[in-house]
N, C-alpha and C. Protein backbone atom coordinates (compact mmCIF):
# COMPACT_ATOMS: atom_id res chain seq x y z
N THR A 1 0.84 -1.19 0.00
CA THR A 1 0.00 0.00 0.00
C THR A 1 0.87 1.24 0.00
N GLU A 2 0.25 2.39 -0.25
CA GLU A 2 1.00 3.64 -0.34
C GLU A 2 1.66 4.04 0.98
N ASN A 3 0.95 3.94 2.07
CA ASN A 3 1.50 4.39 3.35
C ASN A 3 2.26 3.29 4.09
N GLY A 4 2.46 2.16 3.48
CA GLY A 4 3.25 1.11 4.09
C GLY A 4 2.50 0.20 5.05
N THR A 5 1.18 0.31 5.12
CA THR A 5 0.40 -0.53 6.01
C THR A 5 0.05 -1.84 5.31
N THR A 6 0.26 -2.93 5.99
CA THR A 6 -0.09 -4.24 5.44
C THR A 6 -1.21 -4.84 6.27
N VAL A 7 -2.21 -5.34 5.60
CA VAL A 7 -3.33 -5.98 6.28
C VAL A 7 -3.28 -7.47 5.99
N SER A 8 -3.38 -8.27 7.03
CA SER A 8 -3.41 -9.71 6.82
C SER A 8 -4.55 -10.31 7.63
N GLU A 9 -5.11 -11.37 7.12
CA GLU A 9 -6.19 -12.07 7.80
C GLU A 9 -5.69 -13.44 8.21
N SER A 10 -6.14 -13.88 9.37
CA SER A 10 -5.79 -15.24 9.79
C SER A 10 -7.04 -15.93 10.31
N TYR A 11 -7.07 -17.21 10.12
CA TYR A 11 -8.22 -18.01 10.55
C TYR A 11 -7.72 -19.17 11.39
N ASN A 12 -8.46 -19.47 12.43
CA ASN A 12 -8.15 -20.63 13.26
C ASN A 12 -9.23 -21.67 13.06
N ASN A 13 -8.82 -22.85 12.71
CA ASN A 13 -9.78 -23.95 12.59
C ASN A 13 -9.76 -24.76 13.87
N TYR A 14 -10.91 -25.06 14.38
CA TYR A 14 -11.01 -25.93 15.54
C TYR A 14 -12.34 -26.65 15.46
N SER A 15 -12.41 -27.74 16.18
CA SER A 15 -13.64 -28.52 16.15
C SER A 15 -14.32 -28.47 17.51
N ILE A 16 -15.62 -28.64 17.48
CA ILE A 16 -16.43 -28.66 18.69
C ILE A 16 -17.02 -30.06 18.79
N PHE A 17 -16.83 -30.70 19.92
CA PHE A 17 -17.37 -32.04 20.11
C PHE A 17 -18.82 -31.95 20.57
N VAL A 18 -19.70 -32.63 19.87
CA VAL A 18 -21.08 -32.79 20.32
C VAL A 18 -21.37 -34.29 20.31
N GLY A 19 -22.03 -34.73 21.35
CA GLY A 19 -22.35 -36.15 21.46
C GLY A 19 -22.25 -36.61 22.90
N ILE A 20 -21.98 -37.89 23.07
CA ILE A 20 -21.92 -38.50 24.40
C ILE A 20 -20.46 -38.78 24.74
N LEU A 21 -20.08 -38.40 25.93
CA LEU A 21 -18.73 -38.66 26.43
C LEU A 21 -18.86 -39.34 27.78
N LEU A 22 -18.15 -40.44 27.97
CA LEU A 22 -18.23 -41.19 29.23
C LEU A 22 -16.83 -41.32 29.81
N ASN A 23 -16.62 -40.74 30.98
CA ASN A 23 -15.33 -40.79 31.66
C ASN A 23 -15.50 -41.63 32.92
N ILE A 24 -14.73 -42.71 33.03
CA ILE A 24 -14.81 -43.60 34.19
C ILE A 24 -13.42 -43.76 34.78
N LEU A 25 -13.30 -43.51 36.07
CA LEU A 25 -12.04 -43.72 36.78
C LEU A 25 -12.26 -44.83 37.81
N PRO A 26 -11.72 -46.03 37.56
CA PRO A 26 -11.92 -47.13 38.51
C PRO A 26 -10.80 -47.19 39.55
N GLU A 27 -11.14 -47.66 40.74
CA GLU A 27 -10.15 -47.93 41.79
C GLU A 27 -10.53 -49.26 42.44
N ILE A 28 -9.54 -50.12 42.62
CA ILE A 28 -9.79 -51.42 43.25
C ILE A 28 -9.34 -51.35 44.70
N SER A 29 -10.25 -51.67 45.60
CA SER A 29 -9.92 -51.64 47.03
C SER A 29 -9.23 -52.94 47.44
N ASP A 30 -8.68 -52.96 48.66
CA ASP A 30 -7.98 -54.15 49.15
C ASP A 30 -8.90 -55.36 49.27
N ASP A 31 -10.19 -55.13 49.50
CA ASP A 31 -11.13 -56.25 49.63
C ASP A 31 -11.71 -56.70 48.29
N GLY A 32 -11.19 -56.17 47.16
CA GLY A 32 -11.61 -56.62 45.84
C GLY A 32 -12.81 -55.90 45.26
N LYS A 33 -13.33 -54.92 45.98
CA LYS A 33 -14.45 -54.15 45.44
C LYS A 33 -13.92 -53.06 44.51
N ILE A 34 -14.77 -52.64 43.60
CA ILE A 34 -14.37 -51.64 42.61
C ILE A 34 -15.16 -50.36 42.85
N MET A 35 -14.43 -49.27 43.07
CA MET A 35 -15.08 -47.96 43.19
C MET A 35 -14.95 -47.26 41.84
N LEU A 36 -16.07 -46.80 41.31
CA LEU A 36 -16.09 -46.14 40.01
C LEU A 36 -16.49 -44.68 40.17
N ARG A 37 -15.67 -43.80 39.65
CA ARG A 37 -16.05 -42.38 39.54
C ARG A 37 -16.52 -42.21 38.10
N ILE A 38 -17.81 -42.02 37.93
CA ILE A 38 -18.42 -42.00 36.60
C ILE A 38 -18.88 -40.59 36.28
N ASN A 39 -18.41 -40.06 35.16
CA ASN A 39 -18.76 -38.70 34.74
C ASN A 39 -19.20 -38.70 33.28
N PRO A 40 -20.46 -39.01 33.02
CA PRO A 40 -20.95 -38.91 31.64
C PRO A 40 -21.37 -37.47 31.33
N SER A 41 -21.27 -37.11 30.07
CA SER A 41 -21.76 -35.80 29.64
C SER A 41 -22.39 -35.93 28.26
N LEU A 42 -23.34 -35.08 28.02
CA LEU A 42 -24.07 -35.05 26.75
C LEU A 42 -24.03 -33.62 26.24
N SER A 43 -23.53 -33.43 25.04
CA SER A 43 -23.50 -32.08 24.47
C SER A 43 -24.17 -32.11 23.10
N ASP A 44 -24.82 -31.01 22.78
CA ASP A 44 -25.54 -30.90 21.51
C ASP A 44 -25.59 -29.44 21.10
N PHE A 45 -25.96 -29.20 19.87
CA PHE A 45 -26.12 -27.82 19.41
C PHE A 45 -27.32 -27.20 20.10
N LYS A 46 -27.20 -25.94 20.48
CA LYS A 46 -28.29 -25.25 21.17
C LYS A 46 -29.47 -25.04 20.24
N TYR A 47 -29.18 -24.75 19.00
CA TYR A 47 -30.24 -24.49 18.02
C TYR A 47 -30.23 -25.60 16.97
N PRO A 48 -31.38 -26.24 16.71
CA PRO A 48 -31.43 -27.38 15.77
C PRO A 48 -30.87 -27.05 14.38
N GLU A 49 -31.01 -25.82 13.93
CA GLU A 49 -30.52 -25.48 12.59
C GLU A 49 -29.00 -25.58 12.51
N ASP A 50 -28.28 -25.43 13.63
CA ASP A 50 -26.83 -25.58 13.62
C ASP A 50 -26.43 -27.02 13.32
N ASN A 51 -27.23 -27.98 13.72
CA ASN A 51 -26.96 -29.38 13.43
C ASN A 51 -27.02 -29.65 11.93
N LYS A 52 -27.91 -28.96 11.24
CA LYS A 52 -28.06 -29.15 9.80
C LYS A 52 -26.93 -28.48 9.02
N ARG A 53 -26.30 -27.44 9.62
CA ARG A 53 -25.27 -26.68 8.92
C ARG A 53 -23.86 -27.04 9.37
N GLN A 54 -23.65 -28.22 9.88
CA GLN A 54 -22.34 -28.59 10.43
C GLN A 54 -21.21 -28.45 9.43
N LYS A 55 -21.44 -28.80 8.19
CA LYS A 55 -20.37 -28.86 7.20
C LYS A 55 -20.10 -27.52 6.52
N GLU A 56 -20.96 -26.54 6.74
CA GLU A 56 -20.77 -25.23 6.11
C GLU A 56 -19.70 -24.43 6.84
N PRO A 57 -18.91 -23.64 6.08
CA PRO A 57 -17.94 -22.77 6.76
C PRO A 57 -18.67 -21.69 7.55
N ARG A 58 -18.14 -21.31 8.69
CA ARG A 58 -18.78 -20.28 9.52
C ARG A 58 -17.70 -19.43 10.16
N THR A 59 -18.11 -18.23 10.55
CA THR A 59 -17.16 -17.31 11.16
C THR A 59 -17.16 -17.38 12.68
N ILE A 60 -18.26 -17.82 13.27
CA ILE A 60 -18.31 -17.98 14.72
C ILE A 60 -18.79 -19.40 15.05
N ALA A 61 -18.37 -19.87 16.19
CA ALA A 61 -18.74 -21.23 16.60
C ALA A 61 -20.21 -21.28 17.01
N PRO A 62 -20.88 -22.38 16.73
CA PRO A 62 -22.28 -22.51 17.16
C PRO A 62 -22.37 -22.66 18.68
N ASP A 63 -23.48 -22.23 19.23
CA ASP A 63 -23.71 -22.41 20.67
C ASP A 63 -24.02 -23.87 20.94
N THR A 64 -23.51 -24.37 22.04
CA THR A 64 -23.78 -25.75 22.43
C THR A 64 -24.35 -25.78 23.85
N ILE A 65 -25.03 -26.87 24.13
CA ILE A 65 -25.58 -27.12 25.47
C ILE A 65 -24.88 -28.37 25.99
N GLN A 66 -24.47 -28.34 27.25
CA GLN A 66 -23.82 -29.50 27.82
C GLN A 66 -24.50 -29.88 29.13
N LYS A 67 -24.81 -31.17 29.24
CA LYS A 67 -25.39 -31.71 30.47
C LYS A 67 -24.39 -32.70 31.04
N LYS A 68 -24.13 -32.58 32.35
CA LYS A 68 -23.15 -33.45 32.98
C LYS A 68 -23.77 -34.14 34.19
N LEU A 69 -23.23 -35.29 34.49
CA LEU A 69 -23.66 -36.07 35.64
C LEU A 69 -22.39 -36.59 36.31
N SER A 70 -22.39 -36.68 37.61
CA SER A 70 -21.23 -37.19 38.33
C SER A 70 -21.71 -38.16 39.40
N SER A 71 -21.15 -39.37 39.40
CA SER A 71 -21.54 -40.39 40.37
C SER A 71 -20.31 -41.14 40.86
N VAL A 72 -20.37 -41.54 42.11
CA VAL A 72 -19.34 -42.42 42.67
C VAL A 72 -20.08 -43.63 43.23
N VAL A 73 -19.73 -44.82 42.74
CA VAL A 73 -20.40 -46.05 43.19
C VAL A 73 -19.35 -47.11 43.51
N GLN A 74 -19.73 -48.04 44.36
CA GLN A 74 -18.86 -49.17 44.68
C GLN A 74 -19.61 -50.44 44.34
N VAL A 75 -18.97 -51.30 43.54
CA VAL A 75 -19.60 -52.54 43.11
C VAL A 75 -18.63 -53.70 43.29
N GLU A 76 -19.17 -54.89 43.22
CA GLU A 76 -18.36 -56.11 43.25
C GLU A 76 -17.79 -56.35 41.85
N ASN A 77 -16.79 -57.20 41.77
CA ASN A 77 -16.22 -57.59 40.49
C ASN A 77 -17.31 -58.24 39.63
N ASN A 78 -17.44 -57.84 38.38
CA ASN A 78 -18.42 -58.35 37.41
C ASN A 78 -19.87 -58.04 37.77
N GLN A 79 -20.11 -57.13 38.68
CA GLN A 79 -21.48 -56.71 39.02
C GLN A 79 -21.91 -55.62 38.05
N THR A 80 -23.11 -55.73 37.51
CA THR A 80 -23.61 -54.77 36.53
C THR A 80 -24.25 -53.58 37.22
N LEU A 81 -23.95 -52.41 36.70
CA LEU A 81 -24.46 -51.15 37.22
C LEU A 81 -25.25 -50.47 36.12
N ILE A 82 -26.42 -49.95 36.45
CA ILE A 82 -27.24 -49.22 35.48
C ILE A 82 -27.32 -47.78 35.96
N LEU A 83 -26.91 -46.85 35.09
CA LEU A 83 -26.87 -45.43 35.43
C LEU A 83 -27.66 -44.64 34.40
N GLY A 84 -28.63 -43.88 34.86
CA GLY A 84 -29.43 -43.04 33.98
C GLY A 84 -29.47 -41.63 34.52
N GLY A 85 -30.23 -40.78 33.88
CA GLY A 85 -30.40 -39.43 34.38
C GLY A 85 -30.07 -38.34 33.40
N LEU A 86 -29.39 -38.67 32.30
CA LEU A 86 -29.13 -37.65 31.28
C LEU A 86 -30.33 -37.62 30.34
N ILE A 87 -31.18 -36.64 30.54
CA ILE A 87 -32.43 -36.55 29.80
C ILE A 87 -32.38 -35.32 28.90
N SER A 88 -32.78 -35.49 27.66
CA SER A 88 -32.88 -34.35 26.75
C SER A 88 -34.31 -34.24 26.25
N HIS A 89 -34.75 -33.02 26.08
CA HIS A 89 -36.10 -32.73 25.60
C HIS A 89 -36.01 -32.02 24.26
N ASP A 90 -36.75 -32.50 23.29
CA ASP A 90 -36.79 -31.88 21.97
C ASP A 90 -38.22 -31.49 21.65
N LYS A 91 -38.38 -30.27 21.15
CA LYS A 91 -39.69 -29.80 20.72
C LYS A 91 -39.59 -29.36 19.27
N SER A 92 -40.63 -29.64 18.52
CA SER A 92 -40.67 -29.21 17.12
C SER A 92 -42.08 -28.78 16.76
N ASN A 93 -42.15 -27.96 15.76
CA ASN A 93 -43.42 -27.42 15.30
C ASN A 93 -43.53 -27.74 13.81
N GLU A 94 -44.56 -28.45 13.43
CA GLU A 94 -44.72 -28.88 12.05
C GLU A 94 -46.01 -28.29 11.48
N LYS A 95 -45.88 -27.58 10.37
CA LYS A 95 -47.05 -26.98 9.74
C LYS A 95 -47.37 -27.74 8.46
N ASN A 96 -48.63 -28.07 8.28
CA ASN A 96 -49.10 -28.79 7.10
C ASN A 96 -50.19 -27.98 6.42
N SER A 97 -50.17 -28.01 5.09
CA SER A 97 -51.24 -27.31 4.36
C SER A 97 -51.36 -27.88 2.96
N ILE A 98 -52.52 -27.67 2.37
CA ILE A 98 -52.73 -28.01 0.97
C ILE A 98 -52.54 -26.70 0.21
N ASN A 99 -51.50 -26.63 -0.59
CA ASN A 99 -51.01 -25.37 -1.15
C ASN A 99 -52.07 -24.38 -1.60
N PHE A 100 -52.76 -24.65 -2.64
CA PHE A 100 -53.67 -23.63 -3.18
C PHE A 100 -54.94 -23.48 -2.35
N LEU A 101 -55.42 -24.56 -1.71
CA LEU A 101 -56.64 -24.47 -0.92
C LEU A 101 -56.43 -23.69 0.39
N SER A 102 -55.23 -23.77 0.95
CA SER A 102 -54.97 -23.08 2.22
C SER A 102 -54.88 -21.57 2.05
N LYS A 103 -54.79 -21.09 0.81
CA LYS A 103 -54.66 -19.65 0.57
C LYS A 103 -55.99 -18.97 0.26
N ILE A 104 -57.07 -19.74 0.26
CA ILE A 104 -58.39 -19.17 0.01
C ILE A 104 -58.81 -18.37 1.24
N PRO A 105 -59.21 -17.11 1.06
CA PRO A 105 -59.64 -16.32 2.22
C PRO A 105 -60.81 -16.99 2.94
N ILE A 106 -60.84 -16.91 4.22
CA ILE A 106 -61.84 -17.43 5.15
C ILE A 106 -61.81 -18.97 5.20
N LEU A 107 -61.92 -19.66 4.08
CA LEU A 107 -61.94 -21.13 4.05
C LEU A 107 -60.54 -21.74 4.14
N GLY A 108 -59.50 -20.97 3.91
CA GLY A 108 -58.13 -21.49 3.88
C GLY A 108 -57.70 -22.17 5.16
N SER A 109 -58.19 -21.68 6.29
CA SER A 109 -57.78 -22.27 7.57
C SER A 109 -58.28 -23.71 7.74
N LEU A 110 -59.27 -24.11 6.97
CA LEU A 110 -59.76 -25.49 7.01
C LEU A 110 -58.79 -26.47 6.36
N PHE A 111 -57.88 -25.96 5.54
CA PHE A 111 -56.96 -26.80 4.78
C PHE A 111 -55.51 -26.68 5.26
N LYS A 112 -55.33 -26.22 6.47
CA LYS A 112 -53.98 -26.19 7.03
C LYS A 112 -54.03 -26.54 8.51
N GLY A 113 -52.93 -27.03 9.00
CA GLY A 113 -52.87 -27.43 10.41
C GLY A 113 -51.46 -27.30 10.95
N GLU A 114 -51.38 -27.39 12.25
CA GLU A 114 -50.10 -27.27 12.94
C GLU A 114 -50.01 -28.35 14.01
N VAL A 115 -48.89 -29.03 14.06
CA VAL A 115 -48.67 -30.10 15.03
C VAL A 115 -47.45 -29.74 15.88
N LEU A 116 -47.62 -29.75 17.20
CA LEU A 116 -46.52 -29.52 18.12
C LEU A 116 -46.05 -30.87 18.65
N ASN A 117 -44.79 -31.19 18.43
CA ASN A 117 -44.22 -32.46 18.88
C ASN A 117 -43.26 -32.22 20.04
N SER A 118 -43.32 -33.08 21.02
CA SER A 118 -42.42 -33.01 22.16
C SER A 118 -41.89 -34.41 22.42
N LYS A 119 -40.56 -34.51 22.57
CA LYS A 119 -39.94 -35.82 22.76
C LYS A 119 -38.90 -35.74 23.88
N ALA A 120 -38.94 -36.67 24.79
CA ALA A 120 -37.94 -36.77 25.85
C ALA A 120 -37.13 -38.04 25.63
N THR A 121 -35.81 -37.92 25.74
CA THR A 121 -34.91 -39.05 25.55
C THR A 121 -34.00 -39.16 26.77
N GLU A 122 -33.89 -40.36 27.32
CA GLU A 122 -32.98 -40.57 28.44
C GLU A 122 -31.89 -41.54 28.01
N ILE A 123 -30.67 -41.18 28.32
CA ILE A 123 -29.54 -42.05 28.01
C ILE A 123 -29.24 -42.88 29.25
N VAL A 124 -29.16 -44.19 29.06
CA VAL A 124 -28.89 -45.12 30.16
C VAL A 124 -27.59 -45.85 29.85
N PHE A 125 -26.69 -45.87 30.83
CA PHE A 125 -25.43 -46.57 30.69
C PHE A 125 -25.50 -47.86 31.50
N ILE A 126 -25.10 -48.97 30.89
CA ILE A 126 -25.03 -50.26 31.57
C ILE A 126 -23.55 -50.62 31.62
N ILE A 127 -23.00 -50.68 32.83
CA ILE A 127 -21.56 -50.85 33.01
C ILE A 127 -21.31 -52.10 33.85
N THR A 128 -20.42 -52.96 33.37
CA THR A 128 -20.01 -54.14 34.13
C THR A 128 -18.48 -54.12 34.25
N PRO A 129 -17.95 -53.65 35.38
CA PRO A 129 -16.49 -53.64 35.54
C PRO A 129 -15.96 -55.03 35.88
N SER A 130 -14.80 -55.34 35.36
CA SER A 130 -14.16 -56.64 35.62
C SER A 130 -12.70 -56.41 35.98
N ILE A 131 -12.23 -57.10 36.99
CA ILE A 131 -10.82 -57.04 37.36
C ILE A 131 -10.08 -58.06 36.50
N VAL A 132 -9.07 -57.60 35.78
CA VAL A 132 -8.28 -58.47 34.91
C VAL A 132 -6.98 -58.79 35.64
N ASP A 133 -6.73 -60.06 35.87
CA ASP A 133 -5.56 -60.48 36.64
C ASP A 133 -4.29 -60.58 35.79
N SER A 134 -4.43 -60.75 34.52
CA SER A 134 -3.28 -60.98 33.66
C SER A 134 -2.47 -59.71 33.44
N VAL A 135 -1.16 -59.84 33.53
CA VAL A 135 -0.27 -58.71 33.26
C VAL A 135 -0.22 -58.44 31.76
N ASN A 136 -0.44 -59.45 30.96
CA ASN A 136 -0.34 -59.32 29.51
C ASN A 136 -1.66 -58.92 28.86
N ALA A 137 -2.61 -58.46 29.63
CA ALA A 137 -3.91 -58.06 29.07
C ALA A 137 -3.73 -56.83 28.19
N PRO A 138 -4.50 -56.73 27.10
CA PRO A 138 -4.37 -55.56 26.23
C PRO A 138 -4.86 -54.30 26.93
N SER A 139 -4.25 -53.18 26.59
CA SER A 139 -4.67 -51.90 27.16
C SER A 139 -5.93 -51.43 26.44
N LEU A 140 -6.61 -50.46 27.03
CA LEU A 140 -7.80 -49.90 26.39
C LEU A 140 -7.44 -49.28 25.05
N LYS A 141 -6.26 -48.67 24.96
CA LYS A 141 -5.81 -48.07 23.70
C LYS A 141 -5.65 -49.15 22.63
N ASP A 142 -5.11 -50.31 23.03
CA ASP A 142 -4.96 -51.43 22.09
C ASP A 142 -6.32 -51.95 21.60
N LEU A 143 -7.34 -51.80 22.44
CA LEU A 143 -8.69 -52.26 22.08
C LEU A 143 -9.46 -51.23 21.26
N GLY A 144 -8.84 -50.07 20.99
CA GLY A 144 -9.49 -49.07 20.15
C GLY A 144 -10.19 -47.95 20.89
N PHE A 145 -10.08 -47.91 22.22
CA PHE A 145 -10.70 -46.83 22.99
C PHE A 145 -9.82 -45.59 22.93
N LYS A 146 -10.44 -44.42 22.99
CA LYS A 146 -9.70 -43.16 22.96
C LYS A 146 -9.85 -42.46 24.30
N HIS A 147 -8.83 -41.70 24.65
CA HIS A 147 -8.85 -40.93 25.90
C HIS A 147 -9.10 -39.47 25.56
N TYR A 148 -10.12 -38.88 26.19
CA TYR A 148 -10.44 -37.47 25.99
C TYR A 148 -10.26 -36.75 27.31
N GLU A 149 -9.74 -35.55 27.25
CA GLU A 149 -9.59 -34.72 28.45
C GLU A 149 -10.79 -33.84 28.59
């Protein structure tokens, strides 16, 4: 430029995780019982239209909602634990009409309708911890599990 000013633009790419994340920290006591610190979380887009536009480029990150649960339980070896409580509520509004008939003055309202839908979903985790005695047992990483912070 004439006055020696240079303008540059920079962009940072990053990803936002939405979905279910389950963090479990096990501890084995001297008497063989297993204490589990269980921290599941559920995250989703705050606005449903953001879910539809995931692949489009955007200048600001979409708003997300996160629900977390924290539990500490003690179980026996191979005892099954059922954990619930992460509930999500979805509401939608659906409008139906017969195109040309719904536009007739006065009579048009007879040919259109609106349906309000409400749905509740609960995520339930079924966990069975097992104490593995073998030193040569495969690690969770070897089994394909990933560690998230």
